[in-house]
């Protein structure tokens, strides 16, 4: 293992060990714009099955924007309201509820624009047919298109949290939100979208009890089968 690779592995392990679910944010500390730009890149560049990219992100950094998202943290989800309101930024992860011909054409046009078929024009049809085949499998055989699309959003969220950790940003993912309320607040269903979860980001407050607790994970022998 060369020194560069060894350093990268150590950096990754340290980030994974350091990151945790932040319970309280310092409202006086805001993310620098350069860091925010990297977070946007993380969201855009995440992998997805067949490159279908079935997501949309609502990003709030203003008090008014965060207050709109916090509407989804009432009642039994009220424990998440302060995290949303005190964080520097909050991202609502939304999934497409369906993939129609217009959206398939949009994805294919983006791939062509970005030069993926320049060396082999026949690859354009292959890319479209592969994506369509997977979509039809989930539509007609597995009958789970919304679930399949939502899983891609969770892939995105996982890499987003890892990237935030590598950037030294505190974060917490929140499924404890009222998706139906947020769908209505942002008129998501009208765009074939639905809210899935949210991630609050910033820098933890001194009062955050979880910041000082040791990380706990199952032992390696419990979760790995090496063959």
C-alpha atoms as a PDB file:
ATOM      1  CA  UNK A   1       0.000   0.000   0.000  1.00  0.00           C
ATOM      2  CA  UNK A   2       1.594   3.294  -1.035  1.00  0.00           C
ATOM      3  CA  UNK A   3       1.653   6.293   1.288  1.00  0.00           C
ATOM      4  CA  UNK A   4      -1.104   8.165  -0.574  1.00  0.00           C
ATOM      5  CA  UNK A   5      -3.505   5.226  -0.420  1.00  0.00           C
ATOM      6  CA  UNK A   6      -2.640   4.501   3.195  1.00  0.00           C
ATOM      7  CA  UNK A   7      -3.322   8.124   4.097  1.00  0.00           C
ATOM      8  CA  UNK A   8      -6.666   8.055   2.293  1.00  0.00           C
ATOM      9  CA  UNK A   9      -7.736   4.876   4.097  1.00  0.00           C
ATOM     10  CA  UNK A  10      -6.785   6.385   7.451  1.00  0.00           C
ATOM     11  CA  UNK A  11      -8.685   9.586   6.596  1.00  0.00           C
ATOM     12  CA  UNK A  12     -11.782   7.589   5.676  1.00  0.00           C
ATOM     13  CA  UNK A  13     -11.647   5.474   8.842  1.00  0.00           C
ATOM     14  CA  UNK A  14     -11.125   8.550  10.990  1.00  0.00           C
ATOM     15  CA  UNK A  15     -14.094  10.304   9.373  1.00  0.00           C
ATOM     16  CA  UNK A  16     -16.321   7.260   9.875  1.00  0.00           C
ATOM     17  CA  UNK A  17     -15.250   6.996  13.498  1.00  0.00           C
ATOM     18  CA  UNK A  18     -15.710  10.715  14.136  1.00  0.00           C
ATOM     19  CA  UNK A  19     -19.120  11.200  12.485  1.00  0.00           C
ATOM     20  CA  UNK A  20     -22.270  10.569  14.494  1.00  0.00           C
ATOM     21  CA  UNK A  21     -25.943  11.536  14.558  1.00  0.00           C
ATOM     22  CA  UNK A  22     -25.852  15.132  15.758  1.00  0.00           C
ATOM     23  CA  UNK A  23     -28.552  15.910  18.309  1.00  0.00           C
ATOM     24  CA  UNK A  24     -28.010  19.670  18.734  1.00  0.00           C
ATOM     25  CA  UNK A  25     -26.533  22.235  16.340  1.00  0.00           C
ATOM     26  CA  UNK A  26     -24.864  25.566  17.072  1.00  0.00           C
ATOM     27  CA  UNK A  27     -27.138  28.074  15.273  1.00  0.00           C
ATOM     28  CA  UNK A  28     -24.360  30.687  15.155  1.00  0.00           C
ATOM     29  CA  UNK A  29     -22.086  28.540  12.967  1.00  0.00           C
ATOM     30  CA  UNK A  30     -22.831  28.428   9.236  1.00  0.00           C
ATOM     31  CA  UNK A  31     -21.309  26.276   6.526  1.00  0.00           C
ATOM     32  CA  UNK A  32     -18.880  28.146   4.238  1.00  0.00           C
ATOM     33  CA  UNK A  33     -20.070  28.565   0.654  1.00  0.00           C
ATOM     34  CA  UNK A  34     -17.150  26.477  -0.640  1.00  0.00           C
ATOM     35  CA  UNK A  35     -18.285  23.587   1.551  1.00  0.00           C
ATOM     36  CA  UNK A  36     -21.894  24.000   0.443  1.00  0.00           C
ATOM     37  CA  UNK A  37     -20.744  23.747  -3.187  1.00  0.00           C
ATOM     38  CA  UNK A  38     -19.061  20.425  -2.386  1.00  0.00           C
ATOM     39  CA  UNK A  39     -22.235  19.177  -0.726  1.00  0.00           C
ATOM     40  CA  UNK A  40     -24.210  19.997  -3.865  1.00  0.00           C
ATOM     41  CA  UNK A  41     -21.622  18.040  -5.863  1.00  0.00           C
ATOM     42  CA  UNK A  42     -22.082  15.053  -3.556  1.00  0.00           C
ATOM     43  CA  UNK A  43     -25.816  15.094  -4.209  1.00  0.00           C
ATOM     44  CA  UNK A  44     -25.433  15.377  -7.995  1.00  0.00           C
ATOM     45  CA  UNK A  45     -22.682  12.813  -8.409  1.00  0.00           C
ATOM     46  CA  UNK A  46     -24.144   9.979  -6.358  1.00  0.00           C
ATOM     47  CA  UNK A  47     -24.527   6.622  -8.130  1.00  0.00           C
ATOM     48  CA  UNK A  48     -27.933   5.159  -8.939  1.00  0.00           C
ATOM     49  CA  UNK A  49     -29.194   2.009 -10.629  1.00  0.00           C
ATOM     50  CA  UNK A  50     -28.910   2.427 -14.426  1.00  0.00           C
ATOM     51  CA  UNK A  51     -28.044   6.090 -13.752  1.00  0.00           C
ATOM     52  CA  UNK A  52     -31.764   6.801 -13.376  1.00  0.00           C
ATOM     53  CA  UNK A  53     -31.122   9.586 -10.804  1.00  0.00           C
ATOM     54  CA  UNK A  54     -34.698   9.562  -9.455  1.00  0.00           C
ATOM     55  CA  UNK A  55     -34.261  12.378  -6.946  1.00  0.00           C
ATOM     56  CA  UNK A  56     -34.826  16.002  -6.144  1.00  0.00           C
ATOM     57  CA  UNK A  57     -33.433  17.988  -3.213  1.00  0.00           C
ATOM     58  CA  UNK A  58     -34.955  20.871  -1.290  1.00  0.00           C
ATOM     59  CA  UNK A  59     -32.098  22.771   0.368  1.00  0.00           C
ATOM     60  CA  UNK A  60     -32.855  25.325   3.069  1.00  0.00           C
ATOM     61  CA  UNK A  61     -30.349  27.670   4.703  1.00  0.00           C
ATOM     62  CA  UNK A  62     -32.555  30.675   5.519  1.00  0.00           C
ATOM     63  CA  UNK A  63     -34.684  30.897   8.631  1.00  0.00           C
ATOM     64  CA  UNK A  64     -37.816  31.026   6.474  1.00  0.00           C
ATOM     65  CA  UNK A  65     -36.766  27.981   4.466  1.00  0.00           C
ATOM     66  CA  UNK A  66     -35.914  25.927   7.528  1.00  0.00           C
ATOM     67  CA  UNK A  67     -39.221  26.934   9.138  1.00  0.00           C
ATOM     68  CA  UNK A  68     -41.091  25.512   6.144  1.00  0.00           C
ATOM     69  CA  UNK A  69     -39.279  22.186   6.514  1.00  0.00           C
ATOM     70  CA  UNK A  70     -39.811  22.240  10.285  1.00  0.00           C
ATOM     71  CA  UNK A  71     -43.564  22.147   9.625  1.00  0.00           C
ATOM     72  CA  UNK A  72     -42.961  18.455   8.966  1.00  0.00           C
ATOM     73  CA  UNK A  73     -41.529  18.008  12.456  1.00  0.00           C
ATOM     74  CA  UNK A  74     -44.639  18.456  14.526  1.00  0.00           C
ATOM     75  CA  UNK A  75     -46.559  16.100  16.764  1.00  0.00           C
ATOM     76  CA  UNK A  76     -44.728  12.813  17.293  1.00  0.00           C
ATOM     77  CA  UNK A  77     -41.789  14.194  15.277  1.00  0.00           C
ATOM     78  CA  UNK A  78     -41.357  17.351  17.345  1.00  0.00           C
ATOM     79  CA  UNK A  79     -38.013  16.121  18.669  1.00  0.00           C
ATOM     80  CA  UNK A  80     -36.542  16.901  15.235  1.00  0.00           C
ATOM     81  CA  UNK A  81     -37.805  20.492  15.006  1.00  0.00           C
ATOM     82  CA  UNK A  82     -34.877  22.072  16.853  1.00  0.00           C
ATOM     83  CA  UNK A  83     -32.366  20.173  14.720  1.00  0.00           C
ATOM     84  CA  UNK A  84     -33.957  21.581  11.577  1.00  0.00           C
ATOM     85  CA  UNK A  85     -34.249  25.132  12.894  1.00  0.00           C
ATOM     86  CA  UNK A  86     -30.771  25.340  14.438  1.00  0.00           C
ATOM     87  CA  UNK A  87     -28.815  23.617  11.665  1.00  0.00           C
ATOM     88  CA  UNK A  88     -26.890  25.637   9.110  1.00  0.00           C
ATOM     89  CA  UNK A  89     -28.493  23.791   6.192  1.00  0.00           C
ATOM     90  CA  UNK A  90     -31.235  21.195   5.820  1.00  0.00           C
ATOM     91  CA  UNK A  91     -31.748  18.953   2.808  1.00  0.00           C
ATOM     92  CA  UNK A  92     -35.036  17.201   2.114  1.00  0.00           C
ATOM     93  CA  UNK A  93     -34.376  14.120  -0.004  1.00  0.00           C
ATOM     94  CA  UNK A  94     -37.217  13.496  -2.442  1.00  0.00           C
ATOM     95  CA  UNK A  95     -37.810  10.489  -4.674  1.00  0.00           C
ATOM     96  CA  UNK A  96     -39.640  10.275  -7.958  1.00  0.00           C
ATOM     97  CA  UNK A  97     -42.899   8.375  -7.681  1.00  0.00           C
ATOM     98  CA  UNK A  98     -42.712   7.219 -11.287  1.00  0.00           C
ATOM     99  CA  UNK A  99     -40.438   7.318 -14.334  1.00  0.00           C
ATOM    100  CA  UNK A 100     -42.217   8.170 -17.561  1.00  0.00           C
ATOM    101  CA  UNK A 101     -41.014   8.478 -21.157  1.00  0.00           C
ATOM    102  CA  UNK A 102     -40.311  12.199 -20.788  1.00  0.00           C
ATOM    103  CA  UNK A 103     -38.022  11.596 -17.813  1.00  0.00           C
ATOM    104  CA  UNK A 104     -36.217   8.724 -19.539  1.00  0.00           C
ATOM    105  CA  UNK A 105     -35.610  11.046 -22.489  1.00  0.00           C
ATOM    106  CA  UNK A 106     -34.288  13.748 -20.153  1.00  0.00           C
ATOM    107  CA  UNK A 107     -31.750  11.373 -18.590  1.00  0.00           C
ATOM    108  CA  UNK A 108     -30.661  10.059 -21.988  1.00  0.00           C
ATOM    109  CA  UNK A 109     -30.252  13.590 -23.350  1.00  0.00           C
ATOM    110  CA  UNK A 110     -28.067  14.516 -20.381  1.00  0.00           C
ATOM    111  CA  UNK A 111     -25.862  11.482 -20.971  1.00  0.00           C
ATOM    112  CA  UNK A 112     -25.500  12.417 -24.618  1.00  0.00           C
ATOM    113  CA  UNK A 113     -24.741  16.041 -23.744  1.00  0.00           C
ATOM    114  CA  UNK A 114     -22.031  14.884 -21.341  1.00  0.00           C
ATOM    115  CA  UNK A 115     -20.331  12.837 -24.060  1.00  0.00           C
ATOM    116  CA  UNK A 116     -21.064   9.312 -22.898  1.00  0.00           C
ATOM    117  CA  UNK A 117     -21.874   8.151 -26.431  1.00  0.00           C
ATOM    118  CA  UNK A 118     -19.293  10.144 -28.387  1.00  0.00           C
ATOM    119  CA  UNK A 119     -16.971   7.168 -28.975  1.00  0.00           C
ATOM    120  CA  UNK A 120     -19.750   4.643 -29.590  1.00  0.00           C
ATOM    121  CA  UNK A 121     -23.043   6.141 -30.817  1.00  0.00           C
ATOM    122  CA  UNK A 122     -24.724   2.735 -30.632  1.00  0.00           C
ATOM    123  CA  UNK A 123     -24.274   2.866 -26.863  1.00  0.00           C
ATOM    124  CA  UNK A 124     -27.075   5.424 -26.654  1.00  0.00           C
ATOM    125  CA  UNK A 125     -29.744   2.881 -27.565  1.00  0.00           C
ATOM    126  CA  UNK A 126     -28.124   0.290 -25.294  1.00  0.00           C
ATOM    127  CA  UNK A 127     -28.197   2.672 -22.337  1.00  0.00           C
ATOM    128  CA  UNK A 128     -31.848   3.518 -22.914  1.00  0.00           C
ATOM    129  CA  UNK A 129     -32.881  -0.109 -23.423  1.00  0.00           C
ATOM    130  CA  UNK A 130     -31.077  -1.255 -20.273  1.00  0.00           C
ATOM    131  CA  UNK A 131     -32.720   1.448 -18.187  1.00  0.00           C
ATOM    132  CA  UNK A 132     -36.111   0.652 -19.696  1.00  0.00           C
ATOM    133  CA  UNK A 133     -35.650  -3.078 -19.062  1.00  0.00           C
ATOM    134  CA  UNK A 134     -34.935  -2.508 -15.361  1.00  0.00           C
ATOM    135  CA  UNK A 135     -37.851  -0.105 -15.097  1.00  0.00           C
ATOM    136  CA  UNK A 136     -40.214  -2.590 -16.724  1.00  0.00           C
ATOM    137  CA  UNK A 137     -38.991  -5.375 -14.444  1.00  0.00           C
ATOM    138  CA  UNK A 138     -39.882  -3.291 -11.409  1.00  0.00           C
ATOM    139  CA  UNK A 139     -43.135  -2.083 -12.979  1.00  0.00           C
ATOM    140  CA  UNK A 140     -44.571  -5.348 -14.300  1.00  0.00           C
ATOM    141  CA  UNK A 141     -42.805  -8.184 -12.461  1.00  0.00           C
ATOM    142  CA  UNK A 142     -41.726  -6.908  -9.051  1.00  0.00           C
ATOM    143  CA  UNK A 143     -44.413  -4.204  -9.026  1.00  0.00           C
ATOM    144  CA  UNK A 144     -42.301  -2.011  -6.756  1.00  0.00           C
ATOM    145  CA  UNK A 145     -41.269   1.005  -8.837  1.00  0.00           C
ATOM    146  CA  UNK A 146     -41.657   3.577  -6.003  1.00  0.00           C
ATOM    147  CA  UNK A 147     -39.661   1.352  -3.646  1.00  0.00           C
ATOM    148  CA  UNK A 148     -36.926   0.816  -6.252  1.00  0.00           C
ATOM    149  CA  UNK A 149     -36.652   4.562  -6.858  1.00  0.00           C
ATOM    150  CA  UNK A 150     -36.621   5.302  -3.129  1.00  0.00           C
ATOM    151  CA  UNK A 151     -33.718   2.875  -2.641  1.00  0.00           C
ATOM    152  CA  UNK A 152     -31.650   4.972  -5.035  1.00  0.00           C
ATOM    153  CA  UNK A 153     -32.316   8.010  -2.844  1.00  0.00           C
ATOM    154  CA  UNK A 154     -31.013   6.117   0.189  1.00  0.00           C
ATOM    155  CA  UNK A 155     -27.849   5.284  -1.762  1.00  0.00           C
ATOM    156  CA  UNK A 156     -27.445   9.007  -2.304  1.00  0.00           C
ATOM    157  CA  UNK A 157     -28.032   9.778   1.359  1.00  0.00           C
ATOM    158  CA  UNK A 158     -25.383   7.280   2.443  1.00  0.00           C
ATOM    159  CA  UNK A 159     -22.686   8.800   0.252  1.00  0.00           C
ATOM    160  CA  UNK A 160     -23.850  12.278   1.280  1.00  0.00           C
ATOM    161  CA  UNK A 161     -23.369  11.493   4.981  1.00  0.00           C
ATOM    162  CA  UNK A 162     -19.958   9.978   4.309  1.00  0.00           C
ATOM    163  CA  UNK A 163     -18.916  13.012   2.286  1.00  0.00           C
ATOM    164  CA  UNK A 164     -20.120  15.354   5.019  1.00  0.00           C
ATOM    165  CA  UNK A 165     -18.022  13.419   7.517  1.00  0.00           C
ATOM    166  CA  UNK A 166     -14.942  13.710   5.311  1.00  0.00           C
ATOM    167  CA  UNK A 167     -15.556  17.464   5.106  1.00  0.00           C
ATOM    168  CA  UNK A 168     -15.692  17.710   8.899  1.00  0.00           C
ATOM    169  CA  UNK A 169     -19.389  18.624   8.914  1.00  0.00           C
ATOM    170  CA  UNK A 170     -21.787  17.392  11.565  1.00  0.00           C
ATOM    171  CA  UNK A 171     -25.025  15.893  10.276  1.00  0.00           C
ATOM    172  CA  UNK A 172     -28.064  13.887  11.224  1.00  0.00           C
ATOM    173  CA  UNK A 173     -30.426  11.959   8.910  1.00  0.00           C
ATOM    174  CA  UNK A 174     -34.092  12.187   9.867  1.00  0.00           C
ATOM    175  CA  UNK A 175     -36.829   9.819   8.753  1.00  0.00           C
ATOM    176  CA  UNK A 176     -38.868  11.296  11.601  1.00  0.00           C
ATOM    177  CA  UNK A 177     -40.680  13.817   9.434  1.00  0.00           C
ATOM    178  CA  UNK A 178     -44.225  14.010   8.102  1.00  0.00           C
ATOM    179  CA  UNK A 179     -43.694  13.155   4.442  1.00  0.00           C
ATOM    180  CA  UNK A 180     -47.327  13.811   3.525  1.00  0.00           C
ATOM    181  CA  UNK A 181     -47.215  17.285   5.044  1.00  0.00           C
ATOM    182  CA  UNK A 182     -43.968  18.116   3.253  1.00  0.00           C
ATOM    183  CA  UNK A 183     -45.357  16.767  -0.012  1.00  0.00           C
ATOM    184  CA  UNK A 184     -48.168  19.299   0.342  1.00  0.00           C
ATOM    185  CA  UNK A 185     -45.943  22.139   1.575  1.00  0.00           C
ATOM    186  CA  UNK A 186     -43.705  21.923  -1.485  1.00  0.00           C
ATOM    187  CA  UNK A 187     -46.304  20.645  -3.986  1.00  0.00           C
ATOM    188  CA  UNK A 188     -44.163  17.585  -4.613  1.00  0.00           C
ATOM    189  CA  UNK A 189     -46.789  15.129  -5.819  1.00  0.00           C
ATOM    190  CA  UNK A 190     -47.684  17.481  -8.657  1.00  0.00           C
ATOM    191  CA  UNK A 191     -44.160  16.921  -9.944  1.00  0.00           C
ATOM    192  CA  UNK A 192     -44.211  13.136  -9.444  1.00  0.00           C
ATOM    193  CA  UNK A 193     -42.076  13.514  -6.311  1.00  0.00           C
ATOM    194  CA  UNK A 194     -42.450  12.579  -2.664  1.00  0.00           C
ATOM    195  CA  UNK A 195     -40.439  13.450   0.442  1.00  0.00           C
ATOM    196  CA  UNK A 196     -38.377  10.569   1.830  1.00  0.00           C
ATOM    197  CA  UNK A 197     -36.164  11.909   4.622  1.00  0.00           C
ATOM    198  CA  UNK A 198     -34.154  14.962   5.614  1.00  0.00           C
ATOM    199  CA  UNK A 199     -30.564  15.626   6.624  1.00  0.00           C
ATOM    200  CA  UNK A 200     -29.623  18.545   8.869  1.00  0.00           C
ATOM    201  CA  UNK A 201     -26.038  19.814   8.630  1.00  0.00           C
ATOM    202  CA  UNK A 202     -23.804  22.236  10.465  1.00  0.00           C
ATOM    203  CA  UNK A 203     -21.609  22.171  13.543  1.00  0.00           C
ATOM    204  CA  UNK A 204     -22.703  20.593  16.798  1.00  0.00           C
ATOM    205  CA  UNK A 205     -23.498  22.619  19.880  1.00  0.00           C
ATOM    206  CA  UNK A 206     -21.508  22.239  23.095  1.00  0.00           C
ATOM    207  CA  UNK A 207     -24.688  20.869  24.680  1.00  0.00           C
ATOM    208  CA  UNK A 208     -24.904  17.935  22.254  1.00  0.00           C
ATOM    209  CA  UNK A 209     -24.746  14.913  24.551  1.00  0.00           C
ATOM    210  CA  UNK A 210     -24.131  12.530  21.644  1.00  0.00           C
ATOM    211  CA  UNK A 211     -20.897  14.257  20.613  1.00  0.00           C
ATOM    212  CA  UNK A 212     -18.918  12.792  23.491  1.00  0.00           C
ATOM    213  CA  UNK A 213     -20.324   9.274  23.487  1.00  0.00           C
ATOM    214  CA  UNK A 214     -18.173   6.439  22.105  1.00  0.00           C
ATOM    215  CA  UNK A 215     -19.219   4.927  18.799  1.00  0.00           C
ATOM    216  CA  UNK A 216     -20.802   1.484  19.097  1.00  0.00           C
ATOM    217  CA  UNK A 217     -21.022  -1.116  16.354  1.00  0.00           C
ATOM    218  CA  UNK A 218     -21.470  -4.874  16.274  1.00  0.00           C
ATOM    219  CA  UNK A 219     -18.261  -6.889  16.303  1.00  0.00           C
ATOM    220  CA  UNK A 220     -16.682  -7.787  12.978  1.00  0.00           C
ATOM    221  CA  UNK A 221     -17.248 -11.511  13.622  1.00  0.00           C
ATOM    222  CA  UNK A 222     -20.964 -10.835  13.926  1.00  0.00           C
ATOM    223  CA  UNK A 223     -21.390  -9.140  10.556  1.00  0.00           C
ATOM    224  CA  UNK A 224     -18.773 -10.534   8.168  1.00  0.00           C
ATOM    225  CA  UNK A 225     -18.689 -13.916   6.460  1.00  0.00           C
ATOM    226  CA  UNK A 226     -15.435 -14.146   4.538  1.00  0.00           C
ATOM    227  CA  UNK A 227     -15.369 -16.986   1.971  1.00  0.00           C
END
